[in-house]
């Protein structure tokens, strides 16, 4: 909260910037951001308008469907996110624990979050490479759900169509 206030934003604005920095081309729409954050369409629209007005993100029409809007971080948005996320208090806590201990917590915490998501019936919004539809065709990442080739970096990005492998 403190970090957001430093930039005259609300915490949700930093969450939007963080999400967009990790979202793929299928997941960078206002609807997807709202789904990810659990916000209504109207609430999300207001948050996005603030970020557009501050020139931290821009809206671009989809090349194939003009009704679809993609959200992209601007250079100013990337700089703000880099300075604000993770917040200094998080970095301080990491240095107190040590890199090895922080890494040892990552997997159990990720498993706990996945269990909470499943128990509540929420969408997973995981990285493409962890999705049951992620494949490789001719050494190229491929989404078998959307039937599209993916750029190499998209395999590491968040997708709203994500479905985890069956347990």
Foldseek 3Di string as FASTA:
>chain_A
DVLQVVVPHDPLLLVLLVQQVFADPQQQFLVNSCLVVVHDSVVSVVSVVVCVVVQQWDWDADPVDRVTIGIHGDPVVVVSNVQPPPHPVVVVVCVVCDPVVVVVVVVVVVVVVVVVCVVVVGQDQAAQLQAPQWDADPNFTAGNVVGDTDHPSSNHGGHRVGDGDDD
